[in-house]
N, C-alpha and C. Protein backbone atom coordinates (compact mmCIF):
# COMPACT_ATOMS: atom_id res chain seq x y z
N UNK A 1 0.84 -1.16 0.00
CA UNK A 1 0.00 0.00 0.00
C UNK A 1 0.90 1.23 0.00
N UNK A 2 0.70 2.10 -0.93
CA UNK A 2 1.48 3.33 -1.01
C UNK A 2 0.90 4.35 -0.03
N UNK A 3 1.79 4.96 0.74
CA UNK A 3 1.37 5.95 1.72
C UNK A 3 2.34 7.11 1.69
N UNK A 4 1.81 8.31 1.68
CA UNK A 4 2.64 9.50 1.75
C UNK A 4 2.59 10.04 3.17
N UNK A 5 3.75 10.21 3.77
CA UNK A 5 3.84 10.73 5.13
C UNK A 5 4.81 11.88 5.17
N UNK A 6 4.49 12.88 5.96
CA UNK A 6 5.42 13.99 6.18
C UNK A 6 6.17 13.67 7.47
N UNK A 7 7.36 13.08 7.34
CA UNK A 7 8.16 12.67 8.49
C UNK A 7 9.27 13.68 8.74
N UNK A 8 9.63 13.82 9.99
CA UNK A 8 10.75 14.68 10.36
C UNK A 8 12.00 14.11 9.71
N UNK A 9 12.64 14.84 8.79
CA UNK A 9 13.79 14.28 8.06
C UNK A 9 14.96 13.93 8.97
N UNK A 10 15.20 14.70 10.02
CA UNK A 10 16.30 14.39 10.94
C UNK A 10 16.01 13.10 11.71
N UNK A 11 14.77 12.95 12.14
CA UNK A 11 14.36 11.75 12.87
C UNK A 11 14.44 10.52 11.96
N UNK A 12 13.99 10.67 10.75
CA UNK A 12 14.05 9.57 9.79
C UNK A 12 15.50 9.18 9.50
N UNK A 13 16.35 10.16 9.33
CA UNK A 13 17.76 9.88 9.05
C UNK A 13 18.43 9.18 10.23
N UNK A 14 18.10 9.61 11.44
CA UNK A 14 18.66 8.98 12.63
C UNK A 14 18.17 7.53 12.74
N UNK A 15 16.88 7.30 12.50
CA UNK A 15 16.33 5.94 12.55
C UNK A 15 17.00 5.06 11.50
N UNK A 16 17.23 5.62 10.34
CA UNK A 16 17.90 4.88 9.26
C UNK A 16 19.32 4.49 9.68
N UNK A 17 20.04 5.43 10.28
CA UNK A 17 21.43 5.16 10.71
C UNK A 17 21.50 4.11 11.80
N UNK A 18 20.70 4.26 12.85
CA UNK A 18 20.83 3.36 13.99
C UNK A 18 20.22 1.98 13.73
N UNK A 19 19.30 1.88 12.77
CA UNK A 19 18.66 0.59 12.53
C UNK A 19 19.58 -0.39 11.81
N UNK A 20 20.47 0.14 10.99
CA UNK A 20 21.32 -0.73 10.20
C UNK A 20 20.59 -1.33 8.99
N UNK A 21 19.39 -0.87 8.75
CA UNK A 21 18.62 -1.37 7.61
C UNK A 21 19.16 -0.76 6.32
N UNK A 22 18.96 -1.45 5.19
CA UNK A 22 19.54 -0.98 3.92
C UNK A 22 18.79 0.18 3.27
N UNK A 23 17.57 0.49 3.75
CA UNK A 23 16.80 1.58 3.14
C UNK A 23 15.97 2.27 4.21
N UNK A 24 15.51 3.47 3.89
CA UNK A 24 14.66 4.20 4.84
C UNK A 24 13.34 3.47 5.02
N UNK A 25 12.81 2.89 3.95
CA UNK A 25 11.56 2.13 4.05
C UNK A 25 11.73 0.97 5.03
N UNK A 26 12.84 0.24 4.91
CA UNK A 26 13.09 -0.89 5.81
C UNK A 26 13.27 -0.41 7.25
N UNK A 27 13.90 0.74 7.43
CA UNK A 27 14.09 1.29 8.78
C UNK A 27 12.74 1.66 9.41
N UNK A 28 11.86 2.26 8.64
CA UNK A 28 10.53 2.62 9.15
C UNK A 28 9.72 1.36 9.45
N UNK A 29 9.80 0.37 8.59
CA UNK A 29 9.09 -0.89 8.81
C UNK A 29 9.59 -1.56 10.08
N UNK A 30 10.90 -1.58 10.27
CA UNK A 30 11.47 -2.18 11.48
C UNK A 30 11.03 -1.41 12.72
N UNK A 31 11.03 -0.09 12.62
CA UNK A 31 10.60 0.74 13.76
C UNK A 31 9.15 0.45 14.13
N UNK A 32 8.30 0.27 13.13
CA UNK A 32 6.90 -0.04 13.40
C UNK A 32 6.76 -1.41 14.07
N UNK A 33 7.51 -2.39 13.59
CA UNK A 33 7.48 -3.72 14.21
C UNK A 33 7.92 -3.65 15.67
N UNK A 34 8.99 -2.93 15.93
CA UNK A 34 9.49 -2.82 17.30
C UNK A 34 8.51 -2.06 18.19
N UNK A 35 7.88 -1.02 17.66
CA UNK A 35 6.89 -0.27 18.40
C UNK A 35 5.73 -1.17 18.81
N UNK A 36 5.23 -1.95 17.85
CA UNK A 36 4.11 -2.85 18.12
C UNK A 36 4.51 -3.90 19.16
N UNK A 37 5.70 -4.47 19.02
CA UNK A 37 6.16 -5.49 19.97
C UNK A 37 6.25 -4.92 21.39
N UNK A 38 6.78 -3.71 21.53
CA UNK A 38 6.88 -3.10 22.86
C UNK A 38 5.52 -2.85 23.47
N UNK A 39 4.57 -2.39 22.67
CA UNK A 39 3.22 -2.15 23.19
C UNK A 39 2.55 -3.45 23.61
N UNK A 40 2.74 -4.51 22.83
CA UNK A 40 2.16 -5.80 23.20
C UNK A 40 2.80 -6.34 24.46
N UNK A 41 4.12 -6.16 24.61
CA UNK A 41 4.80 -6.60 25.83
C UNK A 41 4.28 -5.84 27.04
N UNK A 42 4.03 -4.55 26.87
CA UNK A 42 3.52 -3.74 27.97
C UNK A 42 2.16 -4.26 28.42
N UNK A 43 1.31 -4.62 27.45
CA UNK A 43 -0.02 -5.14 27.81
C UNK A 43 0.09 -6.44 28.59
N UNK A 44 1.02 -7.30 28.20
CA UNK A 44 1.21 -8.57 28.91
C UNK A 44 1.72 -8.27 30.32
N UNK A 45 2.67 -7.35 30.45
CA UNK A 45 3.22 -7.01 31.77
C UNK A 45 2.15 -6.43 32.68
N UNK A 46 1.21 -5.71 32.12
CA UNK A 46 0.13 -5.14 32.93
C UNK A 46 -0.79 -6.22 33.50
N UNK A 47 -0.77 -7.41 32.91
CA UNK A 47 -1.60 -8.51 33.41
C UNK A 47 -1.03 -9.16 34.66
N UNK A 48 0.26 -8.99 34.92
CA UNK A 48 0.87 -9.60 36.09
C UNK A 48 0.15 -9.14 37.35
N UNK A 49 -0.23 -10.10 38.16
CA UNK A 49 -0.91 -9.79 39.41
C UNK A 49 -2.41 -9.61 39.25
N UNK A 50 -2.94 -9.74 38.04
CA UNK A 50 -4.37 -9.54 37.84
C UNK A 50 -5.12 -10.85 37.64
N UNK A 51 -4.40 -11.95 37.47
CA UNK A 51 -5.05 -13.24 37.24
C UNK A 51 -5.35 -13.93 38.57
N UNK A 52 -6.48 -14.62 38.60
CA UNK A 52 -6.83 -15.37 39.80
C UNK A 52 -6.02 -16.66 39.83
N UNK A 53 -5.52 -17.03 40.98
CA UNK A 53 -4.70 -18.22 41.12
C UNK A 53 -5.47 -19.27 41.88
N UNK A 54 -5.45 -20.49 41.39
CA UNK A 54 -6.12 -21.61 42.05
C UNK A 54 -5.12 -22.29 42.96
N UNK A 55 -5.25 -22.08 44.26
CA UNK A 55 -4.31 -22.66 45.22
C UNK A 55 -4.39 -24.19 45.25
N UNK A 56 -5.49 -24.77 44.79
CA UNK A 56 -5.64 -26.23 44.79
C UNK A 56 -4.95 -26.88 43.59
N UNK A 57 -4.51 -26.09 42.62
CA UNK A 57 -3.86 -26.65 41.43
C UNK A 57 -2.52 -27.24 41.81
N UNK A 58 -2.29 -28.48 41.42
CA UNK A 58 -1.05 -29.17 41.73
C UNK A 58 -0.26 -29.37 40.44
N UNK A 59 0.69 -28.48 40.20
CA UNK A 59 1.45 -28.55 38.95
C UNK A 59 2.32 -29.80 38.88
N UNK A 60 2.74 -30.32 40.03
CA UNK A 60 3.56 -31.54 40.02
C UNK A 60 2.74 -32.74 39.57
N UNK A 61 1.47 -32.78 39.92
CA UNK A 61 0.61 -33.88 39.48
C UNK A 61 0.46 -33.85 37.96
N UNK A 62 0.45 -32.68 37.38
CA UNK A 62 0.34 -32.57 35.92
C UNK A 62 1.57 -33.12 35.22
N UNK A 63 2.69 -33.08 35.88
CA UNK A 63 3.93 -33.62 35.28
C UNK A 63 3.89 -35.12 35.13
N UNK A 64 3.18 -35.81 36.02
CA UNK A 64 3.16 -37.27 36.01
C UNK A 64 2.00 -37.83 35.19
N UNK A 65 1.21 -36.95 34.61
CA UNK A 65 0.07 -37.40 33.81
C UNK A 65 0.57 -38.16 32.59
N UNK A 66 -0.07 -39.26 32.30
CA UNK A 66 0.32 -40.09 31.16
C UNK A 66 -0.08 -39.41 29.86
N UNK A 67 0.78 -39.45 28.84
CA UNK A 67 0.41 -38.87 27.55
C UNK A 67 -0.72 -39.65 26.90
N UNK A 68 -1.47 -38.99 26.07
CA UNK A 68 -2.58 -39.64 25.35
C UNK A 68 -2.03 -40.71 24.41
N UNK A 69 -2.78 -41.75 24.24
CA UNK A 69 -2.36 -42.85 23.35
C UNK A 69 -2.31 -42.34 21.92
N UNK A 70 -1.31 -42.81 21.18
CA UNK A 70 -1.18 -42.41 19.76
C UNK A 70 -2.16 -43.24 18.94
N UNK A 71 -2.69 -42.60 17.93
CA UNK A 71 -3.66 -43.29 17.07
C UNK A 71 -2.99 -43.94 15.92
């Protein structure tokens, strides 16, 4: 998809230099991927401490469970 953006040329040049990508397009694409990954990681981190824990769950018992028979 072709998109025209008015980007800060100094910021774009710096992103191009530090990314090590071969083109400005690749640098912007990489920056977008990294931005998305950081936001998704933040959402996962925000879940810590919010899940209900079942104190009766025995994780060691799950280790000894027999695997399902192969068909």
